[in-house]
C-alpha atoms as a PDB file:
ATOM      1  CA  LEU A   1     220.639 108.715  47.938  1.00  0.00           C
ATOM      2  CA  TYR A   2     218.432 111.506  49.280  1.00  0.00           C
ATOM      3  CA  TRP A   3     221.501 113.336  50.610  1.00  0.00           C
ATOM      4  CA  LEU A   4     223.312 112.986  47.277  1.00  0.00           C
ATOM      5  CA  MET A   5     220.359 114.401  45.377  1.00  0.00           C
ATOM      6  CA  ARG A   6     220.130 117.342  47.811  1.00  0.00           C
ATOM      7  CA  VAL A   7     223.851 118.127  47.321  1.00  0.00           C
ATOM      8  CA  TYR A   8     223.442 117.918  43.548  1.00  0.00           C
ATOM      9  CA  GLN A   9     220.376 120.186  43.584  1.00  0.00           C
ATOM     10  CA  ALA A  10     222.208 122.762  45.704  1.00  0.00           C
ATOM     11  CA  TRP A  11     225.192 122.562  43.357  1.00  0.00           C
ATOM     12  CA  ARG A  12     222.989 123.170  40.297  1.00  0.00           C
ATOM     13  CA  ARG A  13     221.586 126.328  41.916  1.00  0.00           C
ATOM     14  CA  THR A  14     225.055 127.718  42.739  1.00  0.00           C
ATOM     15  CA  PRO A  15     226.118 130.433  40.249  1.00  0.00           C
ATOM     16  CA  THR A  16     229.793 129.535  40.677  1.00  0.00           C
ATOM     17  CA  ARG A  17     229.306 125.826  40.124  1.00  0.00           C
ATOM     18  CA  ARG A  18     232.136 125.661  37.544  1.00  0.00           C
ATOM     19  CA  ALA A  19     234.634 126.791  40.199  1.00  0.00           C
ATOM     20  CA  ASN A  20     233.218 124.365  42.757  1.00  0.00           C
ATOM     21  CA  ASN A  21     232.826 121.525  40.254  1.00  0.00           C
ATOM     22  CA  LEU A  22     235.844 119.430  41.291  1.00  0.00           C
ATOM     23  CA  ILE A  23     235.229 119.794  45.019  1.00  0.00           C
ATOM     24  CA  THR A  24     231.561 118.904  44.671  1.00  0.00           C
ATOM     25  CA  MET A  25     232.330 115.947  42.406  1.00  0.00           C
ATOM     26  CA  ALA A  26     234.957 114.665  44.861  1.00  0.00           C
ATOM     27  CA  VAL A  27     232.403 114.805  47.700  1.00  0.00           C
ATOM     28  CA  LEU A  28     229.778 113.018  45.596  1.00  0.00           C
ATOM     29  CA  VAL A  29     232.249 110.340  44.445  1.00  0.00           C
ATOM     30  CA  GLY A  30     233.288 109.739  48.056  1.00  0.00           C
ATOM     31  CA  ALA A  31     229.664 109.483  49.132  1.00  0.00           C
ATOM     32  CA  LEU A  32     228.809 107.057  46.310  1.00  0.00           C
ATOM     33  CA  MET A  33     231.758 104.815  47.166  1.00  0.00           C
ATOM     34  CA  ALA A  34     230.918 104.932  50.895  1.00  0.00           C
ATOM     35  CA  LEU A  35     227.302 103.988  50.134  1.00  0.00           C
ATOM     36  CA  GLY A  36     228.462 101.083  47.974  1.00  0.00           C
ATOM     37  CA  MET A  37     230.823  99.852  50.708  1.00  0.00           C
ATOM     38  CA  TYR A  38     228.045 100.143  53.309  1.00  0.00           C
ATOM     39  CA  MET A  39     225.746  98.085  51.106  1.00  0.00           C
ATOM     40  CA  VAL A  40     228.369  95.384  50.621  1.00  0.00           C
ATOM     41  CA  PHE A  41     229.280  95.118  54.317  1.00  0.00           C
ATOM     42  CA  SER A  42     225.735  95.356  55.657  1.00  0.00           C
ATOM     43  CA  ILE A  43     224.732  91.917  54.382  1.00  0.00           C
ATOM     44  CA  SER A  44     224.031  89.508  57.241  1.00  0.00           C
ATOM     45  CA  LEU A  45     225.090  85.925  56.580  1.00  0.00           C
ATOM     46  CA  SER A  46     222.973  84.467  59.396  1.00  0.00           C
ATOM     47  CA  ASN A  47     219.895  83.436  57.419  1.00  0.00           C
ATOM     48  CA  HIS A  48     219.759  82.391  53.761  1.00  0.00           C
ATOM     49  CA  ALA A  49     216.190  83.616  53.213  1.00  0.00           C
ATOM     50  CA  THR A  50     217.060  86.945  54.804  1.00  0.00           C
ATOM     51  CA  LEU A  51     220.255  87.041  52.773  1.00  0.00           C
ATOM     52  CA  ASP A  52     218.395  86.521  49.485  1.00  0.00           C
ATOM     53  CA  ALA A  53     215.898  89.253  50.368  1.00  0.00           C
ATOM     54  CA  ARG A  54     218.711  91.584  51.435  1.00  0.00           C
ATOM     55  CA  ILE A  55     220.648  90.948  48.213  1.00  0.00           C
ATOM     56  CA  ALA A  56     217.542  91.677  46.134  1.00  0.00           C
ATOM     57  CA  TYR A  57     216.906  94.856  48.124  1.00  0.00           C
ATOM     58  CA  LEU A  58     220.508  96.050  47.818  1.00  0.00           C
ATOM     59  CA  GLY A  59     220.515  95.192  44.108  1.00  0.00           C
ATOM     60  CA  GLY A  60     217.508  97.454  43.660  1.00  0.00           C
ATOM     61  CA  GLN A  61     219.204 100.201  45.663  1.00  0.00           C
ATOM     62  CA  LEU A  62     222.352  99.975  43.530  1.00  0.00           C
ATOM     63  CA  GLN A  63     220.297  99.993  40.322  1.00  0.00           C
ATOM     64  CA  ALA A  64     218.465 103.134  41.486  1.00  0.00           C
ATOM     65  CA  LEU A  65     221.763 104.778  42.416  1.00  0.00           C
ATOM     66  CA  PHE A  66     223.216 103.894  39.015  1.00  0.00           C
ATOM     67  CA  SER A  67     220.157 105.071  37.076  1.00  0.00           C
ATOM     68  CA  LEU A  68     219.422 108.271  38.994  1.00  0.00           C
ATOM     69  CA  SER A  69     222.953 109.487  39.666  1.00  0.00           C
ATOM     70  CA  PRO A  70     223.791 112.931  38.302  1.00  0.00           C
ATOM     71  CA  LEU A  71     227.351 111.648  37.884  1.00  0.00           C
ATOM     72  CA  GLY A  72     228.404 109.672  34.844  1.00  0.00           C
ATOM     73  CA  ILE A  73     228.895 106.022  35.827  1.00  0.00           C
ATOM     74  CA  GLY A  74     230.275 103.380  33.517  1.00  0.00           C
ATOM     75  CA  LEU A  75     231.007  99.687  33.904  1.00  0.00           C
ATOM     76  CA  ARG A  76     234.001  98.479  31.903  1.00  0.00           C
ATOM     77  CA  GLU A  77     235.849  95.208  31.593  1.00  0.00           C
ATOM     78  CA  LEU A  78     239.539  94.617  32.129  1.00  0.00           C
ATOM     79  CA  PRO A  79     241.844  94.278  30.306  1.00  0.00           C
ATOM     80  CA  SER A  80     240.013  95.551  27.202  1.00  0.00           C
ATOM     81  CA  GLY A  81     238.564  98.697  28.808  1.00  0.00           C
ATOM     82  CA  ARG A  82     235.394  98.225  26.737  1.00  0.00           C
ATOM     83  CA  TYR A  83     232.187  99.643  28.239  1.00  0.00           C
ATOM     84  CA  LEU A  84     229.584  97.067  29.271  1.00  0.00           C
ATOM     85  CA  ASP A  85     227.073  99.561  30.660  1.00  0.00           C
ATOM     86  CA  ALA A  86     226.634 103.285  31.221  1.00  0.00           C
ATOM     87  CA  ASN A  87     224.052 105.405  32.977  1.00  0.00           C
ATOM     88  CA  GLU A  88     222.069 108.250  31.406  1.00  0.00           C
ATOM     89  CA  ALA A  89     224.377 110.890  32.902  1.00  0.00           C
ATOM     90  CA  LEU A  90     227.444 109.396  31.183  1.00  0.00           C
ATOM     91  CA  MET A  91     225.603 109.118  27.881  1.00  0.00           C
ATOM     92  CA  ALA A  92     224.464 112.753  28.130  1.00  0.00           C
ATOM     93  CA  MET A  93     227.979 113.853  29.081  1.00  0.00           C
ATOM     94  CA  SER A  94     229.577 111.999  26.151  1.00  0.00           C
ATOM     95  CA  GLY A  95     226.864 112.598  23.554  1.00  0.00           C
ATOM     96  CA  TYR A  96     226.855 108.890  22.625  1.00  0.00           C
ATOM     97  CA  SER A  97     223.953 106.474  22.828  1.00  0.00           C
ATOM     98  CA  ARG A  98     224.402 103.330  24.947  1.00  0.00           C
ATOM     99  CA  ASP A  99     225.013 101.161  21.848  1.00  0.00           C
ATOM    100  CA  GLU A 100     227.538 103.629  20.423  1.00  0.00           C
ATOM    101  CA  LEU A 101     229.365 103.835  23.750  1.00  0.00           C
ATOM    102  CA  MET A 102     229.536 100.039  24.042  1.00  0.00           C
ATOM    103  CA  ALA A 103     231.047  99.824  20.537  1.00  0.00           C
ATOM    104  CA  LEU A 104     233.841 102.352  21.188  1.00  0.00           C
ATOM    105  CA  PRO A 105     237.384 101.066  21.670  1.00  0.00           C
ATOM    106  CA  ALA A 106     239.130 101.768  24.983  1.00  0.00           C
ATOM    107  CA  GLY A 107     240.524 105.279  25.158  1.00  0.00           C
ATOM    108  CA  ALA A 108     238.197 106.681  22.492  1.00  0.00           C
ATOM    109  CA  LEU A 109     236.777 109.230  24.941  1.00  0.00           C
ATOM    110  CA  THR A 110     240.205 110.422  26.080  1.00  0.00           C
ATOM    111  CA  PRO A 111     242.143 113.193  24.301  1.00  0.00           C
ATOM    112  CA  PRO A 112     245.708 112.109  23.375  1.00  0.00           C
ATOM    113  CA  GLU A 113     247.408 114.384  25.914  1.00  0.00           C
ATOM    114  CA  PHE A 114     245.563 112.616  28.768  1.00  0.00           C
ATOM    115  CA  LEU A 115     246.515 109.068  27.698  1.00  0.00           C
ATOM    116  CA  PRO A 116     249.796 108.981  29.734  1.00  0.00           C
ATOM    117  CA  GLU A 117     247.933 109.904  32.949  1.00  0.00           C
ATOM    118  CA  ASP A 118     245.236 107.354  32.106  1.00  0.00           C
ATOM    119  CA  GLY A 119     248.012 104.752  31.847  1.00  0.00           C
ATOM    120  CA  ARG A 120     249.373 105.716  35.283  1.00  0.00           C
ATOM    121  CA  GLN A 121     245.893 105.527  36.768  1.00  0.00           C
ATOM    122  CA  ARG A 122     245.391 102.097  35.179  1.00  0.00           C
ATOM    123  CA  GLU A 123     248.600 100.888  36.840  1.00  0.00           C
ATOM    124  CA  ARG A 124     247.306 102.253  40.148  1.00  0.00           C
ATOM    125  CA  LEU A 125     244.017 100.401  39.582  1.00  0.00           C
ATOM    126  CA  LEU A 126     245.837  97.131  38.939  1.00  0.00           C
ATOM    127  CA  ALA A 127     248.054  97.614  42.013  1.00  0.00           C
ATOM    128  CA  THR A 128     245.508  98.900  44.543  1.00  0.00           C
ATOM    129  CA  GLY A 129     242.038  98.108  43.197  1.00  0.00           C
ATOM    130  CA  HIS A 130     241.079 101.747  42.698  1.00  0.00           C
ATOM    131  CA  TYR A 131     242.148 104.862  40.799  1.00  0.00           C
ATOM    132  CA  GLY A 132     241.738 108.614  41.061  1.00  0.00           C
ATOM    133  CA  PRO A 133     240.314 110.964  41.696  1.00  0.00           C
ATOM    134  CA  TYR A 134     242.161 112.811  38.965  1.00  0.00           C
ATOM    135  CA  GLU A 135     241.262 115.570  36.536  1.00  0.00           C
ATOM    136  CA  LYS A 136     240.972 114.832  32.856  1.00  0.00           C
ATOM    137  CA  GLU A 137     238.912 115.717  29.826  1.00  0.00           C
ATOM    138  CA  LEU A 138     236.337 113.644  28.001  1.00  0.00           C
ATOM    139  CA  LEU A 139     235.905 113.829  24.223  1.00  0.00           C
ATOM    140  CA  ARG A 140     232.259 114.163  23.299  1.00  0.00           C
ATOM    141  CA  LYS A 141     230.795 112.710  20.131  1.00  0.00           C
ATOM    142  CA  ASP A 142     230.504 116.251  18.695  1.00  0.00           C
ATOM    143  CA  GLY A 143     234.230 116.898  19.304  1.00  0.00           C
ATOM    144  CA  GLN A 144     233.782 119.174  22.306  1.00  0.00           C
ATOM    145  CA  ARG A 145     235.681 118.476  25.503  1.00  0.00           C
ATOM    146  CA  VAL A 146     234.225 118.139  28.979  1.00  0.00           C
ATOM    147  CA  GLN A 147     236.315 118.515  32.124  1.00  0.00           C
ATOM    148  CA  VAL A 148     235.731 115.633  34.552  1.00  0.00           C
ATOM    149  CA  LEU A 149     237.038 114.265  37.803  1.00  0.00           C
ATOM    150  CA  ALA A 150     237.585 110.546  37.206  1.00  0.00           C
ATOM    151  CA  SER A 151     237.568 107.896  39.898  1.00  0.00           C
ATOM    152  CA  GLY A 152     236.876 104.195  40.020  1.00  0.00           C
ATOM    153  CA  MET A 153     237.371 100.760  41.501  1.00  0.00           C
ATOM    154  CA  SER A 154     237.841  97.209  40.289  1.00  0.00           C
ATOM    155  CA  VAL A 155     235.408  94.408  41.100  1.00  0.00           C
ATOM    156  CA  PRO A 156     236.315  90.749  40.508  1.00  0.00           C
ATOM    157  CA  ARG A 157     233.675  88.601  38.826  1.00  0.00           C
ATOM    158  CA  LEU A 158     232.876  84.974  39.605  1.00  0.00           C
ATOM    159  CA  GLU A 159     234.005  84.080  36.079  1.00  0.00           C
ATOM    160  CA  GLY A 160     237.536  85.126  37.050  1.00  0.00           C
ATOM    161  CA  ASP A 161     237.817  88.347  35.088  1.00  0.00           C
ATOM    162  CA  THR A 162     237.603  91.876  36.498  1.00  0.00           C
ATOM    163  CA  LEU A 163     235.192  94.756  35.982  1.00  0.00           C
ATOM    164  CA  VAL A 164     235.827  98.437  36.654  1.00  0.00           C
ATOM    165  CA  TRP A 165     233.247 100.917  37.934  1.00  0.00           C
ATOM    166  CA  SER A 166     234.173 104.399  36.734  1.00  0.00           C
ATOM    167  CA  ILE A 167     232.591 107.582  38.039  1.00  0.00           C
ATOM    168  CA  LEU A 168     233.021 110.772  36.029  1.00  0.00           C
END
């Protein structure tokens, strides 16, 4: 997390950050996914008490990563695509409050010309468990568009349905 914040701070100070935006975002997305995979695979199954403590610790780490990330992160459900949660960065990027974002139908943040590519990425998600990174635009509440690099992965729930973590 420290490394990610240092990269983000350096990026914010760079005068040509628009030109480097996609490269920087790709590096940050890769780092976030690697950190998440490390956290998942670092759990030791040898001791239940240790396991419970480790799960609580990792849960706190993931919550901090979600809350403090400069990248927009959203949790959506499949197949509806409805948002279940979003971090502050995604809300700032979209211009919507958390409640407004949760009430939006799937695809409401995507301009019409990007819907076909979104469909292809959804098929990739269903086939491989992840999508992107790919370039698209996000429709803000005020009608402006924001260029983003979208990436994500599916996570099965115990209830049998599937959630999707999206990083923009």
